[in-house]
Amino acid sequence: MKIEVIGPGCARCKKTAQNVNKALEQLDGSADATVEKVEAQMEIIDRGVMHTPAVAVDGDIAVEGDIPDVDQLVDLFETA
């Protein structure tokens, strides 16, 4: 699974990235995942993200404009 944290690197984006990592820790490695940060403005626009932060799973935007909590991300990653 490829997880992308999309945003310009603001505090909200950093919190989202922290929550993504915490969610993956809770899954104890059951989710084979790589996490990438997408911070370049043109890459954000190319993905069609209008509101940051956003989280994409395998190229599909799953969360946009909110800081997802850890439980929300765990559920998301379990079903991906």
PDB file of N, CA and C in Angstrom:
ATOM      1  N   MET A   1       0.850  -1.164   0.000  1.00  0.00           N
ATOM      2  CA  MET A   1       0.000   0.000   0.000  1.00  0.00           C
ATOM      3  C   MET A   1       0.902   1.236   0.000  1.00  0.00           C
ATOM      4  N   LYS A   2       0.567   2.184  -0.855  1.00  0.00           N
ATOM      5  CA  LYS A   2       1.312   3.441  -0.927  1.00  0.00           C
ATOM      6  C   LYS A   2       0.436   4.535  -0.326  1.00  0.00           C
ATOM      7  N   ILE A   3       0.933   5.169   0.713  1.00  0.00           N
ATOM      8  CA  ILE A   3       0.217   6.238   1.392  1.00  0.00           C
ATOM      9  C   ILE A   3       0.963   7.544   1.128  1.00  0.00           C
ATOM     10  N   GLU A   4       0.204   8.552   0.698  1.00  0.00           N
ATOM     11  CA  GLU A   4       0.798   9.866   0.458  1.00  0.00           C
ATOM     12  C   GLU A   4       0.123  10.882   1.363  1.00  0.00           C
ATOM     13  N   VAL A   5       0.940  11.655   2.075  1.00  0.00           N
ATOM     14  CA  VAL A   5       0.454  12.788   2.857  1.00  0.00           C
ATOM     15  C   VAL A   5       0.706  14.010   1.992  1.00  0.00           C
ATOM     16  N   ILE A   6      -0.378  14.665   1.601  1.00  0.00           N
ATOM     17  CA  ILE A   6      -0.303  15.728   0.603  1.00  0.00           C
ATOM     18  C   ILE A   6      -0.569  17.079   1.261  1.00  0.00           C
ATOM     19  N   GLY A   7       0.382  17.982   1.130  1.00  0.00           N
ATOM     20  CA  GLY A   7       0.237  19.324   1.676  1.00  0.00           C
ATOM     21  C   GLY A   7       1.572  20.037   1.666  1.00  0.00           C
ATOM     22  N   PRO A   8       1.553  21.347   1.857  1.00  0.00           N
ATOM     23  CA  PRO A   8       2.769  22.148   1.706  1.00  0.00           C
ATOM     24  C   PRO A   8       3.760  22.062   2.871  1.00  0.00           C
ATOM     25  N   GLY A   9       3.478  21.257   3.861  1.00  0.00           N
ATOM     26  CA  GLY A   9       4.397  21.141   4.992  1.00  0.00           C
ATOM     27  C   GLY A   9       4.005  21.994   6.179  1.00  0.00           C
ATOM     28  N   CYS A  10       2.770  22.440   6.204  1.00  0.00           N
ATOM     29  CA  CYS A  10       2.267  23.267   7.304  1.00  0.00           C
ATOM     30  C   CYS A  10       2.078  22.411   8.566  1.00  0.00           C
ATOM     31  N   ALA A  11       1.740  23.052   9.660  1.00  0.00           N
ATOM     32  CA  ALA A  11       1.542  22.337  10.927  1.00  0.00           C
ATOM     33  C   ALA A  11       0.442  21.284  10.811  1.00  0.00           C
ATOM     34  N   ARG A  12      -0.627  21.595  10.082  1.00  0.00           N
ATOM     35  CA  ARG A  12      -1.723  20.630   9.896  1.00  0.00           C
ATOM     36  C   ARG A  12      -1.236  19.406   9.108  1.00  0.00           C
ATOM     37  N   CYS A  13      -0.392  19.629   8.140  1.00  0.00           N
ATOM     38  CA  CYS A  13       0.156  18.534   7.340  1.00  0.00           C
ATOM     39  C   CYS A  13       1.094  17.667   8.180  1.00  0.00           C
ATOM     40  N   LYS A  14       1.880  18.298   9.014  1.00  0.00           N
ATOM     41  CA  LYS A  14       2.789  17.551   9.887  1.00  0.00           C
ATOM     42  C   LYS A  14       2.005  16.708  10.883  1.00  0.00           C
ATOM     43  N   LYS A  15       0.915  17.247  11.424  1.00  0.00           N
ATOM     44  CA  LYS A  15       0.068  16.493  12.349  1.00  0.00           C
ATOM     45  C   LYS A  15      -0.563  15.296  11.634  1.00  0.00           C
ATOM     46  N   THR A  16      -0.986  15.504  10.391  1.00  0.00           N
ATOM     47  CA  THR A  16      -1.553  14.411   9.609  1.00  0.00           C
ATOM     48  C   THR A  16      -0.518  13.308   9.398  1.00  0.00           C
ATOM     49  N   ALA A  17       0.708  13.686   9.068  1.00  0.00           N
ATOM     50  CA  ALA A  17       1.777  12.707   8.877  1.00  0.00           C
ATOM     51  C   ALA A  17       2.050  11.943  10.176  1.00  0.00           C
ATOM     52  N   GLN A  18       2.031  12.626  11.307  1.00  0.00           N
ATOM     53  CA  GLN A  18       2.214  11.961  12.601  1.00  0.00           C
ATOM     54  C   GLN A  18       1.105  10.944  12.838  1.00  0.00           C
ATOM     55  N   ASN A  19      -0.141  11.328  12.531  1.00  0.00           N
ATOM     56  CA  ASN A  19      -1.270  10.430  12.735  1.00  0.00           C
ATOM     57  C   ASN A  19      -1.190   9.215  11.808  1.00  0.00           C
ATOM     58  N   VAL A  20      -0.724   9.419  10.578  1.00  0.00           N
ATOM     59  CA  VAL A  20      -0.532   8.302   9.649  1.00  0.00           C
ATOM     60  C   VAL A  20       0.466   7.312  10.244  1.00  0.00           C
ATOM     61  N   ASN A  21       1.577   7.810  10.754  1.00  0.00           N
ATOM     62  CA  ASN A  21       2.593   6.929  11.337  1.00  0.00           C
ATOM     63  C   ASN A  21       2.080   6.215  12.579  1.00  0.00           C
ATOM     64  N   LYS A  22       1.317   6.901  13.419  1.00  0.00           N
ATOM     65  CA  LYS A  22       0.738   6.271  14.604  1.00  0.00           C
ATOM     66  C   LYS A  22      -0.246   5.180  14.218  1.00  0.00           C
ATOM     67  N   ALA A  23      -1.044   5.427  13.197  1.00  0.00           N
ATOM     68  CA  ALA A  23      -2.012   4.428  12.738  1.00  0.00           C
ATOM     69  C   ALA A  23      -1.289   3.185  12.229  1.00  0.00           C
ATOM     70  N   LEU A  24      -0.221   3.375  11.489  1.00  0.00           N
ATOM     71  CA  LEU A  24       0.541   2.235  10.990  1.00  0.00           C
ATOM     72  C   LEU A  24       1.190   1.463  12.135  1.00  0.00           C
ATOM     73  N   GLU A  25       1.643   2.176  13.163  1.00  0.00           N
ATOM     74  CA  GLU A  25       2.201   1.509  14.345  1.00  0.00           C
ATOM     75  C   GLU A  25       1.149   0.652  15.026  1.00  0.00           C
ATOM     76  N   GLN A  26      -0.082   1.157  15.102  1.00  0.00           N
ATOM     77  CA  GLN A  26      -1.164   0.392  15.733  1.00  0.00           C
ATOM     78  C   GLN A  26      -1.484  -0.876  14.946  1.00  0.00           C
ATOM     79  N   LEU A  27      -1.252  -0.855  13.656  1.00  0.00           N
ATOM     80  CA  LEU A  27      -1.508  -2.035  12.837  1.00  0.00           C
ATOM     81  C   LEU A  27      -0.381  -3.052  12.939  1.00  0.00           C
ATOM     82  N   ASP A  28       0.663  -2.729  13.671  1.00  0.00           N
ATOM     83  CA  ASP A  28       1.778  -3.645  13.956  1.00  0.00           C
ATOM     84  C   ASP A  28       2.347  -4.318  12.716  1.00  0.00           C
ATOM     85  N   GLY A  29       2.499  -3.551  11.664  1.00  0.00           N
ATOM     86  CA  GLY A  29       3.116  -4.099  10.468  1.00  0.00           C
ATOM     87  C   GLY A  29       2.197  -4.953   9.617  1.00  0.00           C
ATOM     88  N   SER A  30       0.918  -5.079  10.013  1.00  0.00           N
ATOM     89  CA  SER A  30      -0.001  -5.879   9.201  1.00  0.00           C
ATOM     90  C   SER A  30      -0.327  -5.180   7.890  1.00  0.00           C
ATOM     91  N   ALA A  31      -0.084  -3.882   7.838  1.00  0.00           N
ATOM     92  CA  ALA A  31      -0.277  -3.134   6.595  1.00  0.00           C
ATOM     93  C   ALA A  31       1.101  -2.896   5.985  1.00  0.00           C
ATOM     94  N   ASP A  32       1.393  -3.571   4.890  1.00  0.00           N
ATOM     95  CA  ASP A  32       2.657  -3.381   4.194  1.00  0.00           C
ATOM     96  C   ASP A  32       2.559  -2.060   3.447  1.00  0.00           C
ATOM     97  N   ALA A  33       3.144  -1.008   4.024  1.00  0.00           N
ATOM     98  CA  ALA A  33       2.917   0.335   3.491  1.00  0.00           C
ATOM     99  C   ALA A  33       4.206   1.127   3.371  1.00  0.00           C
ATOM    100  N   THR A  34       4.191   2.006   2.378  1.00  0.00           N
ATOM    101  CA  THR A  34       5.221   3.025   2.267  1.00  0.00           C
ATOM    102  C   THR A  34       4.518   4.374   2.394  1.00  0.00           C
ATOM    103  N   VAL A  35       5.179   5.309   3.059  1.00  0.00           N
ATOM    104  CA  VAL A  35       4.602   6.637   3.266  1.00  0.00           C
ATOM    105  C   VAL A  35       5.489   7.662   2.578  1.00  0.00           C
ATOM    106  N   GLU A  36       4.852   8.510   1.774  1.00  0.00           N
ATOM    107  CA  GLU A  36       5.572   9.580   1.092  1.00  0.00           C
ATOM    108  C   GLU A  36       4.876  10.898   1.378  1.00  0.00           C
ATOM    109  N   LYS A  37       5.665  11.959   1.448  1.00  0.00           N
ATOM    110  CA  LYS A  37       5.110  13.302   1.583  1.00  0.00           C
ATOM    111  C   LYS A  37       5.136  13.965   0.214  1.00  0.00           C
ATOM    112  N   VAL A  38       4.040  14.589  -0.142  1.00  0.00           N
ATOM    113  CA  VAL A  38       3.942  15.336  -1.397  1.00  0.00           C
ATOM    114  C   VAL A  38       3.759  16.796  -1.004  1.00  0.00           C
ATOM    115  N   GLU A  39       4.821  17.592  -1.187  1.00  0.00           N
ATOM    116  CA  GLU A  39       4.794  18.984  -0.731  1.00  0.00           C
ATOM    117  C   GLU A  39       4.903  19.994  -1.872  1.00  0.00           C
ATOM    118  N   ALA A  40       5.298  19.562  -3.055  1.00  0.00           N
ATOM    119  CA  ALA A  40       5.461  20.475  -4.184  1.00  0.00           C
ATOM    120  C   ALA A  40       4.092  20.937  -4.677  1.00  0.00           C
ATOM    121  N   GLN A  41       3.940  22.236  -4.825  1.00  0.00           N
ATOM    122  CA  GLN A  41       2.648  22.818  -5.184  1.00  0.00           C
ATOM    123  C   GLN A  41       2.083  22.231  -6.479  1.00  0.00           C
ATOM    124  N   MET A  42       2.902  22.058  -7.494  1.00  0.00           N
ATOM    125  CA  MET A  42       2.408  21.528  -8.769  1.00  0.00           C
ATOM    126  C   MET A  42       1.961  20.074  -8.632  1.00  0.00           C
ATOM    127  N   GLU A  43       2.647  19.293  -7.813  1.00  0.00           N
ATOM    128  CA  GLU A  43       2.235  17.906  -7.587  1.00  0.00           C
ATOM    129  C   GLU A  43       0.897  17.857  -6.853  1.00  0.00           C
ATOM    130  N   ILE A  44       0.712  18.759  -5.898  1.00  0.00           N
ATOM    131  CA  ILE A  44      -0.558  18.840  -5.170  1.00  0.00           C
ATOM    132  C   ILE A  44      -1.688  19.171  -6.139  1.00  0.00           C
ATOM    133  N   ILE A  45      -1.459  20.145  -6.984  1.00  0.00           N
ATOM    134  CA  ILE A  45      -2.462  20.552  -7.977  1.00  0.00           C
ATOM    135  C   ILE A  45      -2.731  19.420  -8.965  1.00  0.00           C
ATOM    136  N   ASP A  46      -1.677  18.743  -9.418  1.00  0.00           N
ATOM    137  CA  ASP A  46      -1.833  17.648 -10.381  1.00  0.00           C
ATOM    138  C   ASP A  46      -2.694  16.516  -9.821  1.00  0.00           C
ATOM    139  N   ARG A  47      -2.679  16.336  -8.513  1.00  0.00           N
ATOM    140  CA  ARG A  47      -3.498  15.289  -7.894  1.00  0.00           C
ATOM    141  C   ARG A  47      -4.950  15.739  -7.680  1.00  0.00           C
ATOM    142  N   GLY A  48      -5.223  17.001  -7.977  1.00  0.00           N
ATOM    143  CA  GLY A  48      -6.581  17.502  -7.849  1.00  0.00           C
ATOM    144  C   GLY A  48      -6.975  17.870  -6.432  1.00  0.00           C
ATOM    145  N   VAL A  49      -5.986  18.025  -5.554  1.00  0.00           N
ATOM    146  CA  VAL A  49      -6.267  18.371  -4.158  1.00  0.00           C
ATOM    147  C   VAL A  49      -6.509  19.870  -4.059  1.00  0.00           C
ATOM    148  N   MET A  50      -7.683  20.216  -3.553  1.00  0.00           N
ATOM    149  CA  MET A  50      -8.046  21.625  -3.401  1.00  0.00           C
ATOM    150  C   MET A  50      -7.864  22.111  -1.961  1.00  0.00           C
ATOM    151  N   HIS A  51      -7.921  21.183  -1.009  1.00  0.00           N
ATOM    152  CA  HIS A  51      -7.813  21.545   0.407  1.00  0.00           C
ATOM    153  C   HIS A  51      -6.833  20.594   1.078  1.00  0.00           C
ATOM    154  N   THR A  52      -5.840  21.167   1.728  1.00  0.00           N
ATOM    155  CA  THR A  52      -4.852  20.348   2.431  1.00  0.00           C
ATOM    156  C   THR A  52      -5.110  20.431   3.930  1.00  0.00           C
ATOM    157  N   PRO A  53      -4.657  19.460   4.672  1.00  0.00           N
ATOM    158  CA  PRO A  53      -3.917  18.288   4.237  1.00  0.00           C
ATOM    159  C   PRO A  53      -4.840  17.259   3.579  1.00  0.00           C
ATOM    160  N   ALA A  54      -4.199  16.354   2.843  1.00  0.00           N
ATOM    161  CA  ALA A  54      -4.929  15.256   2.223  1.00  0.00           C
ATOM    162  C   ALA A  54      -4.111  13.985   2.398  1.00  0.00           C
ATOM    163  N   VAL A  55      -4.809  12.863   2.373  1.00  0.00           N
ATOM    164  CA  VAL A  55      -4.165  11.558   2.443  1.00  0.00           C
ATOM    165  C   VAL A  55      -4.664  10.742   1.256  1.00  0.00           C
ATOM    166  N   ALA A  56      -3.727  10.196   0.493  1.00  0.00           N
ATOM    167  CA  ALA A  56      -4.073   9.320  -0.622  1.00  0.00           C
ATOM    168  C   ALA A  56      -3.573   7.917  -0.309  1.00  0.00           C
ATOM    169  N   VAL A  57      -4.382   6.935  -0.676  1.00  0.00           N
ATOM    170  CA  VAL A  57      -4.003   5.533  -0.516  1.00  0.00           C
ATOM    171  C   VAL A  57      -4.029   4.904  -1.904  1.00  0.00           C
ATOM    172  N   ASP A  58      -2.870   4.418  -2.321  1.00  0.00           N
ATOM    173  CA  ASP A  58      -2.722   3.818  -3.649  1.00  0.00           C
ATOM    174  C   ASP A  58      -3.244   4.744  -4.748  1.00  0.00           C
ATOM    175  N   GLY A  59      -2.963   6.040  -4.612  1.00  0.00           N
ATOM    176  CA  GLY A  59      -3.295   7.012  -5.631  1.00  0.00           C
ATOM    177  C   GLY A  59      -4.676   7.632  -5.531  1.00  0.00           C
ATOM    178  N   ASP A  60      -5.529   7.109  -4.652  1.00  0.00           N
ATOM    179  CA  ASP A  60      -6.882   7.643  -4.489  1.00  0.00           C
ATOM    180  C   ASP A  60      -6.948   8.531  -3.252  1.00  0.00           C
ATOM    181  N   ILE A  61      -7.485   9.739  -3.413  1.00  0.00           N
ATOM    182  CA  ILE A  61      -7.621  10.655  -2.281  1.00  0.00           C
ATOM    183  C   ILE A  61      -8.676  10.091  -1.328  1.00  0.00           C
ATOM    184  N   ALA A  62      -8.276   9.842  -0.092  1.00  0.00           N
ATOM    185  CA  ALA A  62      -9.183   9.267   0.903  1.00  0.00           C
ATOM    186  C   ALA A  62      -9.655  10.306   1.911  1.00  0.00           C
ATOM    187  N   VAL A  63      -8.820  11.286   2.195  1.00  0.00           N
ATOM    188  CA  VAL A  63      -9.139  12.359   3.144  1.00  0.00           C
ATOM    189  C   VAL A  63      -8.627  13.652   2.537  1.00  0.00           C
ATOM    190  N   GLU A  64      -9.446  14.702   2.618  1.00  0.00           N
ATOM    191  CA  GLU A  64      -9.016  15.993   2.077  1.00  0.00           C
ATOM    192  C   GLU A  64      -9.575  17.121   2.931  1.00  0.00           C
ATOM    193  N   GLY A  65      -8.688  18.023   3.350  1.00  0.00           N
ATOM    194  CA  GLY A  65      -9.106  19.228   4.058  1.00  0.00           C
ATOM    195  C   GLY A  65      -9.271  19.075   5.553  1.00  0.00           C
ATOM    196  N   ASP A  66      -9.055  17.885   6.076  1.00  0.00           N
ATOM    197  CA  ASP A  66      -9.185  17.638   7.517  1.00  0.00           C
ATOM    198  C   ASP A  66      -7.948  16.916   8.017  1.00  0.00           C
ATOM    199  N   ILE A  67      -7.726  17.041   9.327  1.00  0.00           N
ATOM    200  CA  ILE A  67      -6.689  16.235   9.963  1.00  0.00           C
ATOM    201  C   ILE A  67      -7.378  14.969  10.459  1.00  0.00           C
ATOM    202  N   PRO A  68      -7.130  13.833   9.813  1.00  0.00           N
ATOM    203  CA  PRO A  68      -7.794  12.608  10.240  1.00  0.00           C
ATOM    204  C   PRO A  68      -7.225  12.131  11.569  1.00  0.00           C
ATOM    205  N   ASP A  69      -8.107  11.608  12.430  1.00  0.00           N
ATOM    206  CA  ASP A  69      -7.585  11.069  13.690  1.00  0.00           C
ATOM    207  C   ASP A  69      -7.035   9.666  13.443  1.00  0.00           C
ATOM    208  N   VAL A  70      -6.311   9.170  14.417  1.00  0.00           N
ATOM    209  CA  VAL A  70      -5.606   7.899  14.266  1.00  0.00           C
ATOM    210  C   VAL A  70      -6.587   6.761  14.009  1.00  0.00           C
ATOM    211  N   ASP A  71      -7.696   6.717  14.741  1.00  0.00           N
ATOM    212  CA  ASP A  71      -8.670   5.636  14.557  1.00  0.00           C
ATOM    213  C   ASP A  71      -9.258   5.645  13.152  1.00  0.00           C
ATOM    214  N   GLN A  72      -9.533   6.819  12.630  1.00  0.00           N
ATOM    215  CA  GLN A  72     -10.047   6.947  11.271  1.00  0.00           C
ATOM    216  C   GLN A  72      -9.045   6.373  10.269  1.00  0.00           C
ATOM    217  N   LEU A  73      -7.785   6.668  10.488  1.00  0.00           N
ATOM    218  CA  LEU A  73      -6.749   6.172   9.578  1.00  0.00           C
ATOM    219  C   LEU A  73      -6.565   4.672   9.699  1.00  0.00           C
ATOM    220  N   VAL A  74      -6.644   4.139  10.916  1.00  0.00           N
ATOM    221  CA  VAL A  74      -6.542   2.691  11.100  1.00  0.00           C
ATOM    222  C   VAL A  74      -7.640   2.000  10.292  1.00  0.00           C
ATOM    223  N   ASP A  75      -8.869   2.484  10.425  1.00  0.00           N
ATOM    224  CA  ASP A  75      -9.989   1.912   9.665  1.00  0.00           C
ATOM    225  C   ASP A  75      -9.742   2.001   8.171  1.00  0.00           C
ATOM    226  N   LEU A  76      -9.249   3.138   7.725  1.00  0.00           N
ATOM    227  CA  LEU A  76      -8.980   3.356   6.313  1.00  0.00           C
ATOM    228  C   LEU A  76      -7.919   2.365   5.805  1.00  0.00           C
ATOM    229  N   PHE A  77      -6.847   2.215   6.555  1.00  0.00           N
ATOM    230  CA  PHE A  77      -5.756   1.354   6.114  1.00  0.00           C
ATOM    231  C   PHE A  77      -6.130  -0.129   6.178  1.00  0.00           C
ATOM    232  N   GLU A  78      -6.989  -0.488   7.120  1.00  0.00           N
ATOM    233  CA  GLU A  78      -7.423  -1.892   7.223  1.00  0.00           C
ATOM    234  C   GLU A  78      -8.278  -2.286   6.027  1.00  0.00           C
ATOM    235  N   THR A  79      -9.036  -1.339   5.487  1.00  0.00           N
ATOM    236  CA  THR A  79      -9.920  -1.669   4.373  1.00  0.00           C
ATOM    237  C   THR A  79      -9.264  -1.454   3.010  1.00  0.00           C
ATOM    238  N   ALA A  80      -8.069  -0.897   3.008  1.00  0.00           N
ATOM    239  CA  ALA A  80      -7.394  -0.625   1.728  1.00  0.00           C
ATOM    240  C   ALA A  80      -6.739  -1.879   1.182  1.00  0.00           C
TER     241      ALA A  80
END
